[in-house]
Amino acid sequence: MVETMDELMARVQEQVYRLTDLHESMVGIAVTETSPDGAVTVQVDGNAALTGLSFTAAINKLKPAEFEKVLVETAHAAAYQAISQRADLVTAFNSESTR
């Protein structure tokens, strides 16, 4: 329970700092995933949005359907990691809020 206006202001300011820290951590998420054969590398941000995509000469050995599968699976793995990192940050933030 808050007893004074100063205590209330201090609590609100602390929450603002924590939210700012959470935001900065989420913005800082960057994941790079490379396919097992090394043909495809995908980079995503904390929203799982594609920020980079590169290929090696190994894609020349892939049939179109194989290439598509490798690309999609690699992108999915990168997105999964980014969203997992984001979820971990939110979970930590929420657990600190309930103390």
C-alpha atoms as a PDB file:
ATOM      1  CA  MET A   1       0.000   0.000   0.000  1.00  0.00           C
ATOM      2  CA  VAL A   2       1.232   3.485  -0.835  1.00  0.00           C
ATOM      3  CA  GLU A   3       1.207   5.886   2.085  1.00  0.00           C
ATOM      4  CA  THR A   4       2.412   9.142   0.516  1.00  0.00           C
ATOM      5  CA  MET A   5       2.470  10.848  -2.842  1.00  0.00           C
ATOM      6  CA  ASP A   6       6.286  10.581  -2.845  1.00  0.00           C
ATOM      7  CA  GLU A   7       6.055   6.805  -2.439  1.00  0.00           C
ATOM      8  CA  LEU A   8       3.532   6.626  -5.264  1.00  0.00           C
ATOM      9  CA  MET A   9       5.744   8.718  -7.542  1.00  0.00           C
ATOM     10  CA  ALA A  10       8.762   6.539  -6.726  1.00  0.00           C
ATOM     11  CA  ARG A  11       6.804   3.383  -7.565  1.00  0.00           C
ATOM     12  CA  VAL A  12       5.547   4.806 -10.832  1.00  0.00           C
ATOM     13  CA  GLN A  13       9.049   5.945 -11.803  1.00  0.00           C
ATOM     14  CA  GLU A  14      10.450   2.494 -11.030  1.00  0.00           C
ATOM     15  CA  GLN A  15       7.808   0.905 -13.271  1.00  0.00           C
ATOM     16  CA  VAL A  16       8.679   3.327 -16.072  1.00  0.00           C
ATOM     17  CA  TYR A  17      12.350   2.353 -15.773  1.00  0.00           C
ATOM     18  CA  ARG A  18      11.474  -1.343 -15.825  1.00  0.00           C
ATOM     19  CA  LEU A  19       9.253  -0.917 -18.886  1.00  0.00           C
ATOM     20  CA  THR A  20      12.007   1.025 -20.626  1.00  0.00           C
ATOM     21  CA  ASP A  21      14.488  -1.741 -19.834  1.00  0.00           C
ATOM     22  CA  LEU A  22      12.055  -4.367 -21.153  1.00  0.00           C
ATOM     23  CA  HIS A  23      11.549  -2.429 -24.362  1.00  0.00           C
ATOM     24  CA  GLU A  24      15.285  -1.981 -24.913  1.00  0.00           C
ATOM     25  CA  SER A  25      15.882  -5.685 -24.302  1.00  0.00           C
ATOM     26  CA  MET A  26      13.176  -6.649 -26.779  1.00  0.00           C
ATOM     27  CA  VAL A  27      14.498  -4.271 -29.412  1.00  0.00           C
ATOM     28  CA  GLY A  28      17.944  -5.789 -28.907  1.00  0.00           C
ATOM     29  CA  ILE A  29      16.874  -9.308 -29.828  1.00  0.00           C
ATOM     30  CA  ALA A  30      18.583 -10.539 -32.976  1.00  0.00           C
ATOM     31  CA  VAL A  31      18.690 -14.199 -33.944  1.00  0.00           C
ATOM     32  CA  THR A  32      20.719 -15.850 -36.690  1.00  0.00           C
ATOM     33  CA  GLU A  33      19.946 -19.413 -37.704  1.00  0.00           C
ATOM     34  CA  THR A  34      21.787 -21.463 -40.316  1.00  0.00           C
ATOM     35  CA  SER A  35      20.413 -24.600 -41.928  1.00  0.00           C
ATOM     36  CA  PRO A  36      22.171 -27.865 -41.019  1.00  0.00           C
ATOM     37  CA  ASP A  37      23.703 -28.085 -44.498  1.00  0.00           C
ATOM     38  CA  GLY A  38      24.947 -24.491 -44.304  1.00  0.00           C
ATOM     39  CA  ALA A  39      23.025 -23.485 -47.430  1.00  0.00           C
ATOM     40  CA  VAL A  40      20.717 -20.898 -45.842  1.00  0.00           C
ATOM     41  CA  THR A  41      21.231 -18.345 -43.094  1.00  0.00           C
ATOM     42  CA  VAL A  42      18.286 -16.337 -41.770  1.00  0.00           C
ATOM     43  CA  GLN A  43      18.381 -13.359 -39.424  1.00  0.00           C
ATOM     44  CA  VAL A  44      15.319 -12.058 -37.578  1.00  0.00           C
ATOM     45  CA  ASP A  45      14.602  -9.392 -35.004  1.00  0.00           C
ATOM     46  CA  GLY A  46      12.621  -9.646 -31.760  1.00  0.00           C
ATOM     47  CA  ASN A  47       9.359  -9.540 -33.672  1.00  0.00           C
ATOM     48  CA  ALA A  48      10.556 -12.475 -35.805  1.00  0.00           C
ATOM     49  CA  ALA A  49      10.697 -10.135 -38.797  1.00  0.00           C
ATOM     50  CA  LEU A  50      13.265 -11.071 -41.412  1.00  0.00           C
ATOM     51  CA  THR A  51      16.294  -8.762 -41.257  1.00  0.00           C
ATOM     52  CA  GLY A  52      18.790 -10.798 -43.261  1.00  0.00           C
ATOM     53  CA  LEU A  53      18.943 -13.715 -45.626  1.00  0.00           C
ATOM     54  CA  SER A  54      21.995 -15.289 -47.217  1.00  0.00           C
ATOM     55  CA  PHE A  55      22.817 -18.372 -49.211  1.00  0.00           C
ATOM     56  CA  THR A  56      25.948 -20.374 -49.878  1.00  0.00           C
ATOM     57  CA  ALA A  57      26.854 -22.333 -52.984  1.00  0.00           C
ATOM     58  CA  ALA A  58      25.292 -25.357 -51.276  1.00  0.00           C
ATOM     59  CA  ILE A  59      21.881 -24.226 -52.571  1.00  0.00           C
ATOM     60  CA  ASN A  60      23.012 -25.292 -56.047  1.00  0.00           C
ATOM     61  CA  LYS A  61      22.745 -28.912 -54.933  1.00  0.00           C
ATOM     62  CA  LEU A  62      19.126 -28.520 -53.801  1.00  0.00           C
ATOM     63  CA  LYS A  63      16.060 -29.157 -55.897  1.00  0.00           C
ATOM     64  CA  PRO A  64      13.492 -26.330 -55.764  1.00  0.00           C
ATOM     65  CA  ALA A  65      11.268 -28.188 -53.285  1.00  0.00           C
ATOM     66  CA  GLU A  66      14.272 -28.991 -51.070  1.00  0.00           C
ATOM     67  CA  PHE A  67      15.414 -25.378 -51.200  1.00  0.00           C
ATOM     68  CA  GLU A  68      11.952 -24.197 -50.209  1.00  0.00           C
ATOM     69  CA  LYS A  69      11.838 -26.664 -47.316  1.00  0.00           C
ATOM     70  CA  VAL A  70      15.291 -25.688 -46.021  1.00  0.00           C
ATOM     71  CA  LEU A  71      14.482 -21.983 -46.297  1.00  0.00           C
ATOM     72  CA  VAL A  72      11.151 -22.271 -44.494  1.00  0.00           C
ATOM     73  CA  GLU A  73      12.505 -24.553 -41.756  1.00  0.00           C
ATOM     74  CA  THR A  74      15.479 -22.269 -41.129  1.00  0.00           C
ATOM     75  CA  ALA A  75      13.276 -19.180 -41.014  1.00  0.00           C
ATOM     76  CA  HIS A  76      10.884 -20.975 -38.667  1.00  0.00           C
ATOM     77  CA  ALA A  77      13.748 -21.943 -36.334  1.00  0.00           C
ATOM     78  CA  ALA A  78      15.008 -18.353 -36.218  1.00  0.00           C
ATOM     79  CA  ALA A  79      11.523 -16.972 -35.578  1.00  0.00           C
ATOM     80  CA  TYR A  80      10.935 -19.533 -32.849  1.00  0.00           C
ATOM     81  CA  GLN A  81      14.152 -18.539 -31.082  1.00  0.00           C
ATOM     82  CA  ALA A  82      13.311 -14.823 -31.307  1.00  0.00           C
ATOM     83  CA  ILE A  83       9.811 -15.305 -29.921  1.00  0.00           C
ATOM     84  CA  SER A  84      11.166 -17.572 -27.173  1.00  0.00           C
ATOM     85  CA  GLN A  85      13.666 -14.923 -26.131  1.00  0.00           C
ATOM     86  CA  ARG A  86      10.909 -12.326 -26.126  1.00  0.00           C
ATOM     87  CA  ALA A  87       8.672 -14.578 -24.017  1.00  0.00           C
ATOM     88  CA  ASP A  88      11.499 -15.129 -21.524  1.00  0.00           C
ATOM     89  CA  LEU A  89      11.907 -11.364 -21.132  1.00  0.00           C
ATOM     90  CA  VAL A  90       8.172 -10.867 -20.558  1.00  0.00           C
ATOM     91  CA  THR A  91       8.045 -13.765 -18.090  1.00  0.00           C
ATOM     92  CA  ALA A  92      10.949 -12.298 -16.115  1.00  0.00           C
ATOM     93  CA  PHE A  93       9.323  -8.857 -16.171  1.00  0.00           C
ATOM     94  CA  ASN A  94       6.017 -10.252 -14.947  1.00  0.00           C
ATOM     95  CA  SER A  95       7.610 -12.299 -12.173  1.00  0.00           C
ATOM     96  CA  GLU A  96       9.421  -9.220 -10.893  1.00  0.00           C
ATOM     97  CA  SER A  97       6.151  -7.289 -10.954  1.00  0.00           C
ATOM     98  CA  THR A  98       4.431  -9.733  -8.627  1.00  0.00           C
ATOM     99  CA  ARG A  99       7.042  -9.511  -5.872  1.00  0.00           C
END
